[in-house]
Amino acid sequence: MPSKKLNCWEFMKCNRGPANARDKNCNICPATLNSSLNGLNEGEKSGRACWLVAGTFCNKKVSGTYAEKIESCRRCAFYKEVNKKSGQTQLSIENVDIFCFTHLGRLLKTNEDRYLVRQMNDKSLLLAVADGLGGDVSSDFAAEIVKAKLAGIQKLTNGKEKQELEQMVLDMDMIISNKAERSPELEGMATTLVCAILKKDHIHWVNVGDSRLYLLRNKELVQVTQDQTLAKFLIEEGELTPEKAKDHYSYDLLDQCIGYGECEPETATFKVKKGDLLILSTDGLHKMVSKKTILSIVTAKTSIEVKTKALTQAALDSGGKDNITIVLANINKILK
């Protein structure tokens, strides 16, 4: 995955513009012109969203909705470029240092993870990771939609943060579910999401699935979110012990996800302190790396870039069976 935005129309030199430009004089790709991409042409990897989701005629040689289905597309230089093994983003604002890293892993051919870091209109900071589900060609579509919707959030209303985050996820759930119903190719597509919004001295978070939010404070690592898996449900029902959960088939089965129309997001708020480290990650990290090892890496006297890449390497060294996406945010100052 490239570290910066890459547009298919620029890479392929086909003289066609973005789908969200409706002027017929803009040489718009005809496949994207007739598709509602709901903001997918904005932000990092927007070009891929336009090209992969709506389809393009690729110099009139190939016509198709999903490039993954077409052998010639899989050989295309643009396709290979957007499916690079890794990508990263670094950001420093007034009170937070952030580093994001995503890696394909050792076994998968495509990266179904997505991450987003952005400062909102009211100066709040949004951090999010999503892990696309569904397999075949639709596995990253749901995560791409969620990322685009998060990119459109302007601010959260004071006193209503939890309610608005929950409603946002419920809306995403219905959008993805409706898209899947209309397109047989998208049947079964869904995504996890963990999103944390730093607003002054509070974190407002929402979680669906088994991506995670951790908090490192005073050298103690706390898992803030709880995995919404069948294993967790069975543990709560007394049918499975925590000790046996990791080896049980239910450990990898999600109880909740965004996209099936029955989403039940979990959301909460906590106060942050100077020196806190936030860690958002997909399951490609915690299913490969123990909490003890994660703690050892994030408490080392190294930069957040080194920490992030060390966590990724630890997951790869343990097998790298899934995509790995990690966002680290170090709170340097509390804004009032």
Protein backbone atom coordinates (compact mmCIF):
# COMPACT_ATOMS: atom_id res chain seq x y z
CA MET A 1 0.00 0.00 0.00
CA PRO A 2 1.44 3.40 -0.94
CA SER A 3 2.24 5.90 1.81
CA LYS A 4 0.51 8.70 -0.09
CA LYS A 5 -2.56 9.14 -2.26
CA LEU A 6 -2.32 7.48 -5.66
CA ASN A 7 -4.87 8.09 -8.39
CA CYS A 8 -5.44 5.49 -11.09
CA TRP A 9 -6.19 8.11 -13.74
CA GLU A 10 -2.82 9.77 -13.11
CA PHE A 11 -0.87 6.54 -12.89
CA MET A 12 -2.39 5.03 -16.03
CA LYS A 13 -2.35 8.36 -17.94
CA CYS A 14 -5.85 7.68 -19.29
CA ASN A 15 -6.83 11.40 -19.17
CA ARG A 16 -9.88 10.73 -17.00
CA GLY A 17 -10.66 12.67 -13.85
CA PRO A 18 -12.15 11.93 -10.43
CA ALA A 19 -15.62 10.49 -10.13
CA ASN A 20 -16.85 13.33 -7.93
CA ALA A 21 -16.28 15.87 -10.72
CA ARG A 22 -19.56 15.90 -12.66
CA ASP A 23 -18.47 18.25 -15.43
CA LYS A 24 -18.59 16.25 -18.68
CA ASN A 25 -15.63 18.24 -19.95
CA CYS A 26 -13.35 16.75 -17.28
CA ASN A 27 -12.71 13.47 -19.13
CA ILE A 28 -14.27 11.49 -16.28
CA CYS A 29 -13.94 7.75 -16.29
CA PRO A 30 -17.35 6.50 -17.55
CA ALA A 31 -17.44 3.69 -15.02
CA THR A 32 -17.04 6.04 -12.07
CA LEU A 33 -19.38 8.69 -13.47
CA ASN A 34 -22.37 6.42 -12.96
CA SER A 35 -21.41 5.28 -9.48
CA SER A 36 -22.06 6.87 -6.11
CA LEU A 37 -18.79 6.54 -4.23
CA ASN A 38 -19.89 8.49 -1.14
CA GLY A 39 -16.65 10.35 -0.65
CA LEU A 40 -14.33 7.49 -1.52
CA ASN A 41 -12.39 9.81 -3.80
CA GLU A 42 -11.08 11.71 -0.78
CA GLY A 43 -7.94 10.98 1.19
CA GLU A 44 -5.22 8.38 1.01
CA LYS A 45 -5.86 5.53 -1.44
CA SER A 46 -8.86 7.36 -2.91
CA GLY A 47 -7.67 6.53 -6.38
CA ARG A 48 -7.81 2.87 -5.56
CA ALA A 49 -11.33 3.21 -4.19
CA CYS A 50 -12.47 4.86 -7.41
CA TRP A 51 -10.76 2.26 -9.55
CA LEU A 52 -11.46 -0.85 -7.49
CA VAL A 53 -15.02 -0.11 -6.43
CA ALA A 54 -16.56 1.56 -9.46
CA GLY A 55 -14.35 -0.06 -12.05
CA THR A 56 -12.56 1.48 -14.97
CA PHE A 57 -12.13 0.59 -18.62
CA CYS A 58 -8.34 0.82 -18.31
CA ASN A 59 -7.52 2.29 -21.72
CA LYS A 60 -10.58 0.42 -23.09
CA LYS A 61 -8.81 -2.92 -22.71
CA VAL A 62 -10.56 -4.14 -19.58
CA SER A 63 -14.05 -3.47 -18.27
CA GLY A 64 -15.00 -4.72 -14.84
CA THR A 65 -16.30 -3.76 -11.44
CA TYR A 66 -13.69 -5.47 -9.29
CA ALA A 67 -10.11 -5.62 -10.45
CA GLU A 68 -9.43 -8.63 -8.25
CA LYS A 69 -11.60 -10.69 -10.59
CA ILE A 70 -9.55 -9.84 -13.66
CA GLU A 71 -6.21 -11.52 -14.26
CA SER A 72 -4.89 -8.66 -16.39
CA CYS A 73 -5.69 -6.19 -13.58
CA ARG A 74 -3.77 -8.27 -11.07
CA ARG A 75 -0.75 -8.00 -13.36
CA CYS A 76 -1.22 -4.25 -13.79
CA ALA A 77 1.49 -1.96 -12.43
CA PHE A 78 -1.10 0.22 -10.71
CA TYR A 79 -2.68 -2.75 -8.95
CA LYS A 80 0.74 -3.87 -7.74
CA GLU A 81 1.53 -0.36 -6.54
CA VAL A 82 -1.59 -0.06 -4.36
CA ASN A 83 -0.98 -3.53 -2.96
CA LYS A 84 2.53 -2.90 -1.73
CA LYS A 85 3.50 -4.79 1.39
CA SER A 86 3.55 -1.80 3.72
CA GLY A 87 2.75 1.88 4.19
CA GLN A 88 3.17 4.48 6.90
CA THR A 89 2.02 7.92 8.06
CA GLN A 90 3.64 10.27 10.57
CA LEU A 91 1.91 13.30 12.06
CA SER A 92 2.77 15.79 14.80
CA ILE A 93 0.28 18.39 15.95
CA GLU A 94 0.26 20.75 18.92
CA ASN A 95 -0.17 18.14 21.63
CA VAL A 96 0.20 14.69 20.04
CA ASP A 97 2.81 12.75 18.08
CA ILE A 98 1.39 9.99 15.88
CA PHE A 99 2.86 7.19 13.82
CA CYS A 100 0.87 4.70 11.75
CA PHE A 101 2.11 1.58 10.02
CA THR A 102 0.35 -1.11 8.02
CA HIS A 103 1.80 -4.32 6.61
CA LEU A 104 0.42 -7.02 4.36
CA GLY A 105 1.71 -9.83 6.57
CA ARG A 106 3.34 -13.02 5.35
CA LEU A 107 0.38 -15.01 4.04
CA LEU A 108 -2.22 -12.70 2.49
CA LYS A 109 -2.07 -11.21 -1.01
CA THR A 110 -4.10 -8.07 -0.28
CA ASN A 111 -4.25 -5.63 2.63
CA GLU A 112 -7.80 -5.54 3.95
CA ASP A 113 -6.93 -3.20 6.84
CA ARG A 114 -7.49 0.55 6.80
CA TYR A 115 -6.40 3.33 9.13
CA LEU A 116 -7.23 7.01 9.38
CA VAL A 117 -5.71 9.86 11.38
CA ARG A 118 -7.05 13.38 11.00
CA GLN A 119 -7.66 16.59 12.90
CA MET A 120 -11.32 17.60 12.93
CA ASN A 121 -12.77 21.10 12.53
CA ASP A 122 -12.85 21.70 16.29
CA LYS A 123 -9.19 20.58 16.61
CA SER A 124 -10.17 17.19 18.03
CA LEU A 125 -8.02 14.31 16.82
CA LEU A 126 -9.58 11.24 15.20
CA LEU A 127 -7.71 7.92 15.20
CA ALA A 128 -9.17 4.77 13.67
CA VAL A 129 -8.33 1.31 12.37
CA ALA A 130 -10.65 -1.08 10.52
CA ASP A 131 -10.21 -4.67 9.39
CA GLY A 132 -12.24 -5.64 6.33
CA LEU A 133 -14.06 -8.97 6.23
CA GLY A 134 -15.76 -11.00 3.56
CA GLY A 135 -13.00 -12.53 1.50
CA ASP A 136 -12.67 -12.58 -2.28
CA VAL A 137 -13.01 -9.12 -3.85
CA SER A 138 -15.18 -7.41 -1.24
CA SER A 139 -12.97 -7.88 1.82
CA ASP A 140 -11.64 -4.34 1.92
CA PHE A 141 -14.65 -2.52 0.46
CA ALA A 142 -16.49 -2.22 3.79
CA ALA A 143 -13.37 -0.90 5.52
CA GLU A 144 -12.91 1.59 2.67
CA ILE A 145 -16.48 2.85 3.15
CA VAL A 146 -16.00 3.23 6.91
CA LYS A 147 -12.78 5.15 6.36
CA ALA A 148 -14.52 7.51 3.93
CA LYS A 149 -17.37 8.13 6.36
CA LEU A 150 -14.94 8.88 9.19
CA ALA A 151 -13.17 11.35 6.93
CA GLY A 152 -16.41 13.32 6.69
CA ILE A 153 -16.96 13.85 10.43
CA GLN A 154 -16.60 17.53 11.28
CA LYS A 155 -16.99 17.45 15.08
CA LEU A 156 -18.80 15.80 17.98
CA THR A 157 -21.41 17.77 19.93
CA ASN A 158 -20.44 18.55 23.52
CA GLY A 159 -22.19 16.17 25.89
CA LYS A 160 -23.42 13.92 23.07
CA GLU A 161 -20.16 12.32 21.98
CA LYS A 162 -21.08 8.74 22.87
CA GLN A 163 -24.52 8.94 21.29
CA GLU A 164 -23.15 10.44 18.07
CA LEU A 165 -20.38 7.85 17.78
CA GLU A 166 -22.88 5.05 18.28
CA GLN A 167 -25.28 6.49 15.71
CA MET A 168 -22.42 7.00 13.26
CA VAL A 169 -21.57 3.30 13.43
CA LEU A 170 -25.22 2.25 13.12
CA ASP A 171 -25.49 4.40 9.99
CA MET A 172 -22.35 2.78 8.56
CA ASP A 173 -23.81 -0.63 9.32
CA MET A 174 -26.95 0.07 7.30
CA ILE A 175 -25.05 1.66 4.40
CA ILE A 176 -22.76 -1.35 4.01
CA SER A 177 -25.61 -3.82 4.50
CA ASN A 178 -27.71 -2.08 1.84
CA LYS A 179 -24.81 -2.00 -0.62
CA ALA A 180 -24.25 -5.72 -0.13
CA GLU A 181 -27.92 -6.45 -0.75
CA ARG A 182 -27.82 -4.57 -4.05
CA SER A 183 -24.62 -6.21 -5.30
CA PRO A 184 -24.24 -10.02 -5.17
CA GLU A 185 -20.44 -9.63 -5.45
CA LEU A 186 -20.44 -7.88 -2.07
CA GLU A 187 -22.38 -10.51 -0.15
CA GLY A 188 -20.85 -11.05 3.28
CA MET A 189 -18.71 -7.92 3.30
CA ALA A 190 -18.23 -6.29 6.68
CA THR A 191 -15.55 -4.69 8.82
CA THR A 192 -14.35 -4.16 12.35
CA LEU A 193 -13.74 -0.66 13.66
CA VAL A 194 -12.07 0.91 16.64
CA CYS A 195 -12.17 4.70 16.61
CA ALA A 196 -10.84 7.03 19.30
CA ILE A 197 -11.42 10.78 19.27
CA LEU A 198 -9.20 12.94 21.47
CA LYS A 199 -11.27 15.97 22.43
CA LYS A 200 -9.40 18.27 24.81
CA ASP A 201 -8.58 16.01 27.78
CA HIS A 202 -10.94 13.13 27.00
CA ILE A 203 -10.95 10.14 24.68
CA HIS A 204 -14.33 9.20 23.25
CA TRP A 205 -14.17 5.77 21.64
CA VAL A 206 -16.36 3.31 19.79
CA ASN A 207 -15.61 -0.33 19.01
CA VAL A 208 -17.14 -3.07 16.89
CA GLY A 209 -15.36 -6.41 16.38
CA ASP A 210 -11.91 -7.45 17.52
CA SER A 211 -9.61 -4.59 16.61
CA ARG A 212 -8.29 -3.02 19.80
CA LEU A 213 -7.58 0.18 21.70
CA TYR A 214 -4.87 0.01 24.35
CA LEU A 215 -3.76 2.66 26.84
CA LEU A 216 -0.21 2.75 28.18
CA ARG A 217 0.01 4.80 31.39
CA ASN A 218 2.77 4.68 33.98
CA LYS A 219 4.22 1.58 32.29
CA GLU A 220 0.92 -0.28 32.68
CA LEU A 221 -0.77 -1.53 29.50
CA VAL A 222 -4.57 -1.60 29.66
CA GLN A 223 -6.79 -3.10 26.97
CA VAL A 224 -9.56 -0.50 26.81
CA THR A 225 -11.87 -2.26 24.34
CA GLN A 226 -13.14 -5.80 24.61
CA ASP A 227 -13.13 -8.16 21.63
CA GLN A 228 -16.65 -8.76 20.38
CA THR A 229 -16.15 -12.42 19.60
CA LEU A 230 -18.09 -15.62 20.14
CA ALA A 231 -15.42 -16.64 22.65
CA LYS A 232 -16.14 -13.58 24.80
CA PHE A 233 -19.86 -14.38 24.68
CA LEU A 234 -19.24 -17.99 25.73
CA ILE A 235 -17.00 -16.83 28.58
CA GLU A 236 -19.73 -14.48 29.81
CA GLU A 237 -22.23 -17.34 29.63
CA GLY A 238 -19.91 -19.56 31.66
CA GLU A 239 -19.49 -22.07 28.83
CA LEU A 240 -15.79 -21.33 28.25
CA THR A 241 -12.90 -20.32 30.49
CA PRO A 242 -10.56 -17.44 29.56
CA GLU A 243 -7.62 -19.85 29.75
CA LYS A 244 -9.06 -22.10 27.05
CA ALA A 245 -10.42 -19.33 24.83
CA LYS A 246 -7.33 -18.84 22.64
CA ASP A 247 -7.35 -22.47 21.53
CA HIS A 248 -11.12 -22.59 21.03
CA TYR A 249 -12.70 -22.27 17.57
CA SER A 250 -14.83 -19.36 18.82
CA TYR A 251 -11.75 -17.16 19.37
CA ASP A 252 -11.67 -16.18 15.70
CA LEU A 253 -15.44 -15.83 15.22
CA LEU A 254 -16.81 -12.30 15.51
CA ASP A 255 -19.98 -11.73 17.47
CA GLN A 256 -20.26 -8.19 16.11
CA CYS A 257 -19.15 -6.39 12.95
CA ILE A 258 -20.23 -3.47 10.78
CA GLY A 259 -22.14 -4.51 7.68
CA TYR A 260 -24.68 -7.17 8.62
CA GLY A 261 -27.40 -4.72 9.72
CA GLU A 262 -27.44 -5.88 13.35
CA CYS A 263 -24.50 -3.95 14.78
CA GLU A 264 -24.24 -3.29 18.53
CA PRO A 265 -21.32 -0.88 19.03
CA GLU A 266 -19.65 -0.37 22.37
CA THR A 267 -18.68 3.16 23.31
CA ALA A 268 -17.23 4.93 26.33
CA THR A 269 -15.13 7.88 27.48
CA PHE A 270 -12.04 8.27 29.63
CA LYS A 271 -9.78 11.12 30.67
CA VAL A 272 -6.24 11.26 29.30
CA LYS A 273 -3.07 12.42 31.02
CA LYS A 274 0.17 13.86 29.77
CA GLY A 275 2.49 11.01 28.78
CA ASP A 276 -0.29 8.58 27.87
CA LEU A 277 0.30 6.39 24.82
CA LEU A 278 -2.70 5.24 22.77
CA ILE A 279 -2.39 2.10 20.66
CA LEU A 280 -4.97 1.14 18.06
CA SER A 281 -4.42 -2.10 16.18
CA THR A 282 -6.06 -4.79 14.12
CA ASP A 283 -5.99 -8.42 15.24
CA GLY A 284 -2.91 -9.08 13.12
CA LEU A 285 -0.99 -7.73 16.11
CA HIS A 286 -2.59 -9.19 19.23
CA LYS A 287 -3.24 -12.64 17.74
CA MET A 288 0.46 -12.93 16.97
CA VAL A 289 2.08 -11.04 19.85
CA SER A 290 1.51 -11.49 23.57
CA LYS A 291 0.52 -8.59 25.81
CA LYS A 292 3.81 -9.03 27.66
CA THR A 293 5.81 -8.54 24.47
CA ILE A 294 3.69 -5.56 23.43
CA LEU A 295 4.33 -3.97 26.83
CA SER A 296 8.06 -4.59 26.54
CA ILE A 297 8.20 -2.89 23.14
CA VAL A 298 6.07 0.16 23.94
CA THR A 299 7.85 0.90 27.23
CA ALA A 300 11.30 0.86 25.61
CA LYS A 301 13.05 4.24 25.37
CA THR A 302 12.58 4.56 21.62
CA SER A 303 10.59 6.79 19.26
CA ILE A 304 7.00 5.96 18.41
CA GLU A 305 8.14 5.12 14.88
CA VAL A 306 10.59 2.55 16.21
CA LYS A 307 7.95 1.16 18.60
CA THR A 308 5.37 0.82 15.81
CA LYS A 309 7.75 -0.94 13.47
CA ALA A 310 9.03 -3.18 16.28
CA LEU A 311 5.47 -4.27 17.05
CA THR A 312 4.92 -5.04 13.38
CA GLN A 313 8.15 -7.02 13.18
CA ALA A 314 7.18 -9.00 16.28
CA ALA A 315 3.92 -9.99 14.57
CA LEU A 316 5.80 -10.96 11.41
CA ASP A 317 8.33 -12.97 13.39
CA SER A 318 5.45 -14.88 14.99
CA GLY A 319 4.04 -15.87 11.62
CA GLY A 320 2.38 -12.75 10.23
CA LYS A 321 -0.78 -14.69 9.43
CA ASP A 322 -2.90 -11.58 8.93
CA ASN A 323 -2.56 -7.96 7.85
CA ILE A 324 -1.03 -5.84 10.61
CA THR A 325 -2.08 -2.24 11.19
CA ILE A 326 -0.97 -0.15 14.16
CA VAL A 327 -1.54 3.48 15.17
CA LEU A 328 0.45 4.94 18.07
CA ALA A 329 -0.38 8.36 19.54
CA ASN A 330 1.73 9.90 22.29
CA ILE A 331 -0.02 12.62 24.36
CA ASN A 332 2.55 15.35 24.99
CA LYS A 333 0.22 18.02 26.30
CA ILE A 334 -3.36 18.25 27.56
CA LEU A 335 -5.50 20.87 25.84
CA LYS A 336 -8.17 22.57 27.92
